Amino acid sequence: DHNITVNIIKGDRIVEKKELHLPKQVVNV
């Protein structure tokens, strides 16, 4: 689901938010 938001946490804080995209290639999925 490329609509999921990934919040990366370091030191108890959100340091980065990654938005996902459809991958160009999927392996063994």
PDB file of all heavy atoms in Angstrom:
ATOM      1  N   ASP A   1       0.855  -1.185   0.000  1.00  0.00           N
ATOM      2  CA  ASP A   1       0.000   0.000   0.000  1.00  0.00           C
ATOM      3  C   ASP A   1       0.889   1.233   0.000  1.00  0.00           C
ATOM      4  O   ASP A   1       1.463   1.590   1.028  1.00  0.00           O
ATOM      5  CB  ASP A   1      -0.923   0.006   1.223  1.00  0.00           C
ATOM      6  CG  ASP A   1      -1.912   1.164   1.213  1.00  0.00           C
ATOM      7  OD1 ASP A   1      -1.814   2.052   0.330  1.00  0.00           O
ATOM      8  OD2 ASP A   1      -2.789   1.192   2.092  1.00  0.00           O
ATOM      9  N   HIS A   2       0.997   1.899  -1.148  1.00  0.00           N
ATOM     10  CA  HIS A   2       1.883   3.053  -1.252  1.00  0.00           C
ATOM     11  C   HIS A   2       1.311   4.306  -0.587  1.00  0.00           C
ATOM     12  O   HIS A   2       1.943   5.345  -0.586  1.00  0.00           O
ATOM     13  CB  HIS A   2       2.270   3.326  -2.713  1.00  0.00           C
ATOM     14  CG  HIS A   2       1.098   3.569  -3.617  1.00  0.00           C
ATOM     15  ND1 HIS A   2       0.373   2.543  -4.162  1.00  0.00           N
ATOM     16  CD2 HIS A   2       0.540   4.705  -4.054  1.00  0.00           C
ATOM     17  CE1 HIS A   2      -0.594   3.039  -4.899  1.00  0.00           C
ATOM     18  NE2 HIS A   2      -0.514   4.354  -4.858  1.00  0.00           N
ATOM     19  N   ASN A   3       0.132   4.202   0.035  1.00  0.00           N
ATOM     20  CA  ASN A   3      -0.442   5.334   0.770  1.00  0.00           C
ATOM     21  C   ASN A   3      -0.030   5.348   2.243  1.00  0.00           C
ATOM     22  O   ASN A   3      -0.348   6.283   2.962  1.00  0.00           O
ATOM     23  CB  ASN A   3      -1.967   5.309   0.663  1.00  0.00           C
ATOM     24  CG  ASN A   3      -2.421   5.524  -0.765  1.00  0.00           C
ATOM     25  OD1 ASN A   3      -1.950   6.424  -1.441  1.00  0.00           O
ATOM     26  ND2 ASN A   3      -3.309   4.681  -1.240  1.00  0.00           N
ATOM     27  N   ILE A   4       0.673   4.315   2.684  1.00  0.00           N
ATOM     28  CA  ILE A   4       1.150   4.246   4.067  1.00  0.00           C
ATOM     29  C   ILE A   4       2.257   5.278   4.254  1.00  0.00           C
ATOM     30  O   ILE A   4       3.086   5.477   3.374  1.00  0.00           O
ATOM     31  CB  ILE A   4       1.677   2.828   4.385  1.00  0.00           C
ATOM     32  CG1 ILE A   4       0.524   1.826   4.346  1.00  0.00           C
ATOM     33  CG2 ILE A   4       2.393   2.791   5.730  1.00  0.00           C
ATOM     34  CD1 ILE A   4       0.966   0.377   4.465  1.00  0.00           C
ATOM     35  N   THR A   5       2.256   5.921   5.412  1.00  0.00           N
ATOM     36  CA  THR A   5       3.318   6.866   5.763  1.00  0.00           C
ATOM     37  C   THR A   5       4.273   6.174   6.718  1.00  0.00           C
ATOM     38  O   THR A   5       3.833   5.533   7.678  1.00  0.00           O
ATOM     39  CB  THR A   5       2.732   8.119   6.443  1.00  0.00           C
ATOM     40  OG1 THR A   5       1.745   8.693   5.581  1.00  0.00           O
ATOM     41  CG2 THR A   5       3.807   9.147   6.718  1.00  0.00           C
ATOM     42  N   VAL A   6       5.574   6.306   6.479  1.00  0.00           N
ATOM     43  CA  VAL A   6       6.594   5.735   7.353  1.00  0.00           C
ATOM     44  C   VAL A   6       7.249   6.885   8.111  1.00  0.00           C
ATOM     45  O   VAL A   6       7.885   7.745   7.509  1.00  0.00           O
ATOM     46  CB  VAL A   6       7.660   4.959   6.542  1.00  0.00           C
ATOM     47  CG1 VAL A   6       8.718   4.383   7.473  1.00  0.00           C
ATOM     48  CG2 VAL A   6       7.010   3.861   5.714  1.00  0.00           C
ATOM     49  N   ASN A   7       7.065   6.906   9.432  1.00  0.00           N
ATOM     50  CA  ASN A   7       7.693   7.904  10.288  1.00  0.00           C
ATOM     51  C   ASN A   7       8.908   7.269  10.942  1.00  0.00           C
ATOM     52  O   ASN A   7       8.781   6.274  11.657  1.00  0.00           O
ATOM     53  CB  ASN A   7       6.728   8.394  11.369  1.00  0.00           C
ATOM     54  CG  ASN A   7       5.510   9.063  10.785  1.00  0.00           C
ATOM     55  OD1 ASN A   7       5.619   9.899   9.904  1.00  0.00           O
ATOM     56  ND2 ASN A   7       4.339   8.680  11.259  1.00  0.00           N
ATOM     57  N   ILE A   8      10.087   7.831  10.719  1.00  0.00           N
ATOM     58  CA  ILE A   8      11.315   7.292  11.294  1.00  0.00           C
ATOM     59  C   ILE A   8      11.594   8.028  12.596  1.00  0.00           C
ATOM     60  O   ILE A   8      11.615   9.265  12.627  1.00  0.00           O
ATOM     61  CB  ILE A   8      12.489   7.436  10.310  1.00  0.00           C
ATOM     62  CG1 ILE A   8      12.159   6.660   9.034  1.00  0.00           C
ATOM     63  CG2 ILE A   8      13.786   6.950  10.936  1.00  0.00           C
ATOM     64  CD1 ILE A   8      13.114   6.864   7.911  1.00  0.00           C
ATOM     65  N   ILE A   9      11.796   7.256  13.657  1.00  0.00           N
ATOM     66  CA  ILE A   9      11.980   7.795  14.996  1.00  0.00           C
ATOM     67  C   ILE A   9      13.423   7.572  15.446  1.00  0.00           C
ATOM     68  O   ILE A   9      13.942   6.455  15.348  1.00  0.00           O
ATOM     69  CB  ILE A   9      11.044   7.096  16.016  1.00  0.00           C
ATOM     70  CG1 ILE A   9       9.606   6.983  15.505  1.00  0.00           C
ATOM     71  CG2 ILE A   9      11.142   7.741  17.385  1.00  0.00           C
ATOM     72  CD1 ILE A   9       8.873   8.260  15.369  1.00  0.00           C
ATOM     73  N   LYS A  10      14.049   8.630  15.934  1.00  0.00           N
ATOM     74  CA  LYS A  10      15.374   8.540  16.559  1.00  0.00           C
ATOM     75  C   LYS A  10      15.376   9.503  17.734  1.00  0.00           C
ATOM     76  O   LYS A  10      14.936  10.640  17.605  1.00  0.00           O
ATOM     77  CB  LYS A  10      16.485   8.891  15.574  1.00  0.00           C
ATOM     78  CG  LYS A  10      16.669   7.836  14.514  1.00  0.00           C
ATOM     79  CD  LYS A  10      17.878   8.093  13.651  1.00  0.00           C
ATOM     80  CE  LYS A  10      17.949   6.973  12.620  1.00  0.00           C
ATOM     81  NZ  LYS A  10      18.973   7.139  11.662  1.00  0.00           N
ATOM     82  N   GLY A  11      15.872   9.034  18.878  1.00  0.00           N
ATOM     83  CA  GLY A  11      15.894   9.890  20.064  1.00  0.00           C
ATOM     84  C   GLY A  11      14.516  10.357  20.479  1.00  0.00           C
ATOM     85  O   GLY A  11      14.351  11.518  20.860  1.00  0.00           O
ATOM     86  N   ASP A  12      13.528   9.492  20.382  1.00  0.00           N
ATOM     87  CA  ASP A  12      12.144   9.766  20.775  1.00  0.00           C
ATOM     88  C   ASP A  12      11.437  10.810  19.909  1.00  0.00           C
ATOM     89  O   ASP A  12      10.387  11.321  20.281  1.00  0.00           O
ATOM     90  CB  ASP A  12      12.066  10.222  22.247  1.00  0.00           C
ATOM     91  CG  ASP A  12      12.585   9.164  23.202  1.00  0.00           C
ATOM     92  OD1 ASP A  12      12.264   7.985  22.998  1.00  0.00           O
ATOM     93  OD2 ASP A  12      13.321   9.529  24.147  1.00  0.00           O
ATOM     94  N   ARG A  13      12.019  11.170  18.759  1.00  0.00           N
ATOM     95  CA  ARG A  13      11.418  12.191  17.888  1.00  0.00           C
ATOM     96  C   ARG A  13      11.312  11.681  16.448  1.00  0.00           C
ATOM     97  O   ARG A  13      12.138  10.900  16.012  1.00  0.00           O
ATOM     98  CB  ARG A  13      12.257  13.459  17.877  1.00  0.00           C
ATOM     99  CG  ARG A  13      12.308  14.164  19.194  1.00  0.00           C
ATOM    100  CD  ARG A  13      13.171  15.414  19.086  1.00  0.00           C
ATOM    101  NE  ARG A  13      13.030  16.199  20.282  1.00  0.00           N
ATOM    102  CZ  ARG A  13      12.246  17.263  20.373  1.00  0.00           C
ATOM    103  NH1 ARG A  13      11.577  17.686  19.333  1.00  0.00           N
ATOM    104  NH2 ARG A  13      12.164  17.931  21.500  1.00  0.00           N
ATOM    105  N   ILE A  14      10.322  12.192  15.729  1.00  0.00           N
ATOM    106  CA  ILE A  14      10.217  11.891  14.300  1.00  0.00           C
ATOM    107  C   ILE A  14      11.290  12.704  13.598  1.00  0.00           C
ATOM    108  O   ILE A  14      11.281  13.930  13.655  1.00  0.00           O
ATOM    109  CB  ILE A  14       8.827  12.244  13.744  1.00  0.00           C
ATOM    110  CG1 ILE A  14       7.745  11.395  14.399  1.00  0.00           C
ATOM    111  CG2 ILE A  14       8.805  12.071  12.228  1.00  0.00           C
ATOM    112  CD1 ILE A  14       6.329  11.766  14.004  1.00  0.00           C
ATOM    113  N   VAL A  15      12.236  12.016  12.945  1.00  0.00           N
ATOM    114  CA  VAL A  15      13.312  12.720  12.248  1.00  0.00           C
ATOM    115  C   VAL A  15      13.095  12.741  10.741  1.00  0.00           C
ATOM    116  O   VAL A  15      13.714  13.537  10.036  1.00  0.00           O
ATOM    117  CB  VAL A  15      14.704  12.107  12.571  1.00  0.00           C
ATOM    118  CG1 VAL A  15      15.039  12.296  14.035  1.00  0.00           C
ATOM    119  CG2 VAL A  15      14.771  10.645  12.173  1.00  0.00           C
ATOM    120  N   GLU A  16      12.216  11.873  10.271  1.00  0.00           N
ATOM    121  CA  GLU A  16      11.961  11.822   8.827  1.00  0.00           C
ATOM    122  C   GLU A  16      10.625  11.152   8.576  1.00  0.00           C
ATOM    123  O   GLU A  16      10.230  10.234   9.282  1.00  0.00           O
ATOM    124  CB  GLU A  16      13.082  11.031   8.146  1.00  0.00           C
ATOM    125  CG  GLU A  16      13.008  11.003   6.650  1.00  0.00           C
ATOM    126  CD  GLU A  16      14.153  10.208   6.024  1.00  0.00           C
ATOM    127  OE1 GLU A  16      15.068   9.786   6.743  1.00  0.00           O
ATOM    128  OE2 GLU A  16      14.096  10.012   4.809  1.00  0.00           O
ATOM    129  N   LYS A  17       9.936  11.636   7.543  1.00  0.00           N
ATOM    130  CA  LYS A  17       8.696  11.000   7.082  1.00  0.00           C
ATOM    131  C   LYS A  17       8.934  10.556   5.649  1.00  0.00           C
ATOM    132  O   LYS A  17       9.314  11.360   4.814  1.00  0.00           O
ATOM    133  CB  LYS A  17       7.517  11.968   7.130  1.00  0.00           C
ATOM    134  CG  LYS A  17       7.018  12.245   8.511  1.00  0.00           C
ATOM    135  CD  LYS A  17       5.730  13.045   8.458  1.00  0.00           C
ATOM    136  CE  LYS A  17       5.216  13.267   9.852  1.00  0.00           C
ATOM    137  NZ  LYS A  17       3.786  13.199   9.929  1.00  0.00           N
ATOM    138  N   LYS A  18       8.732   9.269   5.405  1.00  0.00           N
ATOM    139  CA  LYS A  18       8.919   8.744   4.052  1.00  0.00           C
ATOM    140  C   LYS A  18       7.561   8.423   3.461  1.00  0.00           C
ATOM    141  O   LYS A  18       6.743   7.773   4.091  1.00  0.00           O
ATOM    142  CB  LYS A  18       9.767   7.481   4.077  1.00  0.00           C
ATOM    143  CG  LYS A  18      11.198   7.723   4.408  1.00  0.00           C
ATOM    144  CD  LYS A  18      12.004   6.457   4.184  1.00  0.00           C
ATOM    145  CE  LYS A  18      13.445   6.753   4.479  1.00  0.00           C
ATOM    146  NZ  LYS A  18      14.324   6.394   3.413  1.00  0.00           N
ATOM    147  N   GLU A  19       7.362   8.893   2.256  1.00  0.00           N
ATOM    148  CA  GLU A  19       6.170   8.505   1.521  1.00  0.00           C
ATOM    149  C   GLU A  19       6.571   7.394   0.576  1.00  0.00           C
ATOM    150  O   GLU A  19       7.648   7.429  -0.021  1.00  0.00           O
ATOM    151  CB  GLU A  19       5.590   9.702   0.772  1.00  0.00           C
ATOM    152  CG  GLU A  19       5.003  10.727   1.720  1.00  0.00           C
ATOM    153  CD  GLU A  19       4.144  11.743   1.007  1.00  0.00           C
ATOM    154  OE1 GLU A  19       3.608  11.427  -0.070  1.00  0.00           O
ATOM    155  OE2 GLU A  19       4.020  12.847   1.537  1.00  0.00           O
ATOM    156  N   LEU A  20       5.711   6.431   0.461  1.00  0.00           N
ATOM    157  CA  LEU A  20       6.010   5.264  -0.359  1.00  0.00           C
ATOM    158  C   LEU A  20       5.475   5.440  -1.772  1.00  0.00           C
ATOM    159  O   LEU A  20       4.528   6.180  -2.006  1.00  0.00           O
ATOM    160  CB  LEU A  20       5.395   4.021   0.277  1.00  0.00           C
ATOM    161  CG  LEU A  20       5.837   3.734   1.709  1.00  0.00           C
ATOM    162  CD1 LEU A  20       5.051   2.563   2.269  1.00  0.00           C
ATOM    163  CD2 LEU A  20       7.322   3.452   1.762  1.00  0.00           C
ATOM    164  N   HIS A  21       6.095   4.742  -2.685  1.00  0.00           N
ATOM    165  CA  HIS A  21       5.674   4.740  -4.077  1.00  0.00           C
ATOM    166  C   HIS A  21       5.644   3.297  -4.553  1.00  0.00           C
ATOM    167  O   HIS A  21       6.297   2.427  -3.973  1.00  0.00           O
ATOM    168  CB  HIS A  21       6.652   5.549  -4.934  1.00  0.00           C
ATOM    169  CG  HIS A  21       6.850   6.939  -4.432  1.00  0.00           C
ATOM    170  ND1 HIS A  21       5.933   7.934  -4.642  1.00  0.00           N
ATOM    171  CD2 HIS A  21       7.851   7.499  -3.707  1.00  0.00           C
ATOM    172  CE1 HIS A  21       6.353   9.045  -4.076  1.00  0.00           C
ATOM    173  NE2 HIS A  21       7.525   8.810  -3.495  1.00  0.00           N
ATOM    174  N   LEU A  22       4.881   3.065  -5.605  1.00  0.00           N
ATOM    175  CA  LEU A  22       4.896   1.725  -6.189  1.00  0.00           C
ATOM    176  C   LEU A  22       6.321   1.426  -6.649  1.00  0.00           C
ATOM    177  O   LEU A  22       6.905   2.218  -7.381  1.00  0.00           O
ATOM    178  CB  LEU A  22       3.954   1.644  -7.393  1.00  0.00           C
ATOM    179  CG  LEU A  22       2.473   1.529  -7.092  1.00  0.00           C
ATOM    180  CD1 LEU A  22       1.675   1.684  -8.373  1.00  0.00           C
ATOM    181  CD2 LEU A  22       2.152   0.213  -6.434  1.00  0.00           C
ATOM    182  N   PRO A  23       6.892   0.306  -6.231  1.00  0.00           N
ATOM    183  CA  PRO A  23       8.250  -0.014  -6.662  1.00  0.00           C
ATOM    184  C   PRO A  23       8.278  -0.398  -8.133  1.00  0.00           C
ATOM    185  O   PRO A  23       7.322  -0.973  -8.655  1.00  0.00           O
ATOM    186  CB  PRO A  23       8.648  -1.184  -5.765  1.00  0.00           C
ATOM    187  CG  PRO A  23       7.368  -1.791  -5.333  1.00  0.00           C
ATOM    188  CD  PRO A  23       6.353  -0.684  -5.309  1.00  0.00           C
ATOM    189  N   LYS A  24       9.355  -0.070  -8.809  1.00  0.00           N
ATOM    190  CA  LYS A  24       9.514  -0.413 -10.226  1.00  0.00           C
ATOM    191  C   LYS A  24       9.665  -1.920 -10.410  1.00  0.00           C
ATOM    192  O   LYS A  24       9.345  -2.459 -11.456  1.00  0.00           O
ATOM    193  CB  LYS A  24      10.738   0.299 -10.796  1.00  0.00           C
ATOM    194  CG  LYS A  24      10.684   1.800 -10.654  1.00  0.00           C
ATOM    195  CD  LYS A  24      10.699   2.464 -11.996  1.00  0.00           C
ATOM    196  CE  LYS A  24      10.744   3.958 -11.876  1.00  0.00           C
ATOM    197  NZ  LYS A  24       9.478   4.573 -11.763  1.00  0.00           N
ATOM    198  N   GLN A  25      10.170  -2.572  -9.358  1.00  0.00           N
ATOM    199  CA  GLN A  25      10.390  -4.019  -9.429  1.00  0.00           C
ATOM    200  C   GLN A  25      10.118  -4.624  -8.057  1.00  0.00           C
ATOM    201  O   GLN A  25      10.472  -4.044  -7.042  1.00  0.00           O
ATOM    202  CB  GLN A  25      11.850  -4.267  -9.827  1.00  0.00           C
ATOM    203  CG  GLN A  25      12.302  -5.693  -9.722  1.00  0.00           C
ATOM    204  CD  GLN A  25      13.749  -5.845 -10.145  1.00  0.00           C
ATOM    205  OE1 GLN A  25      14.080  -5.549 -11.279  1.00  0.00           O
ATOM    206  NE2 GLN A  25      14.598  -6.301  -9.262  1.00  0.00           N
ATOM    207  N   VAL A  26       9.461  -5.768  -8.034  1.00  0.00           N
ATOM    208  CA  VAL A  26       9.281  -6.511  -6.787  1.00  0.00           C
ATOM    209  C   VAL A  26       9.868  -7.899  -6.972  1.00  0.00           C
ATOM    210  O   VAL A  26       9.684  -8.530  -8.011  1.00  0.00           O
ATOM    211  CB  VAL A  26       7.807  -6.587  -6.339  1.00  0.00           C
ATOM    212  CG1 VAL A  26       7.302  -5.242  -5.894  1.00  0.00           C
ATOM    213  CG2 VAL A  26       6.910  -7.145  -7.406  1.00  0.00           C
ATOM    214  N   VAL A  27      10.586  -8.336  -5.957  1.00  0.00           N
ATOM    215  CA  VAL A  27      11.253  -9.636  -6.012  1.00  0.00           C
ATOM    216  C   VAL A  27      10.694 -10.529  -4.907  1.00  0.00           C
ATOM    217  O   VAL A  27      10.682 -10.142  -3.739  1.00  0.00           O
ATOM    218  CB  VAL A  27      12.783  -9.478  -5.846  1.00  0.00           C
ATOM    219  CG1 VAL A  27      13.473 -10.831  -5.887  1.00  0.00           C
ATOM    220  CG2 VAL A  27      13.340  -8.560  -6.921  1.00  0.00           C
ATOM    221  N   ASN A  28      10.211 -11.693  -5.298  1.00  0.00           N
ATOM    222  CA  ASN A  28       9.679 -12.710  -4.386  1.00  0.00           C
ATOM    223  C   ASN A  28       8.509 -12.215  -3.530  1.00  0.00           C
ATOM    224  O   ASN A  28       8.335 -12.639  -2.399  1.00  0.00           O
ATOM    225  CB  ASN A  28      10.796 -13.272  -3.502  1.00  0.00           C
ATOM    226  CG  ASN A  28      11.831 -14.005  -4.321  1.00  0.00           C
ATOM    227  OD1 ASN A  28      11.527 -14.596  -5.353  1.00  0.00           O
ATOM    228  ND2 ASN A  28      13.068 -13.948  -3.882  1.00  0.00           N
ATOM    229  N   VAL A  29       7.716 -11.321  -4.094  1.00  0.00           N
ATOM    230  CA  VAL A  29       6.507 -10.855  -3.428  1.00  0.00           C
ATOM    231  C   VAL A  29       5.295 -11.458  -4.135  1.00  0.00           C
ATOM    232  O   VAL A  29       4.374 -11.945  -3.505  1.00  0.00           O
ATOM    233  CB  VAL A  29       6.417  -9.312  -3.439  1.00  0.00           C
ATOM    234  CG1 VAL A  29       5.115  -8.836  -2.830  1.00  0.00           C
ATOM    235  CG2 VAL A  29       7.610  -8.713  -2.710  1.00  0.00           C
TER     236      VAL A  29
END
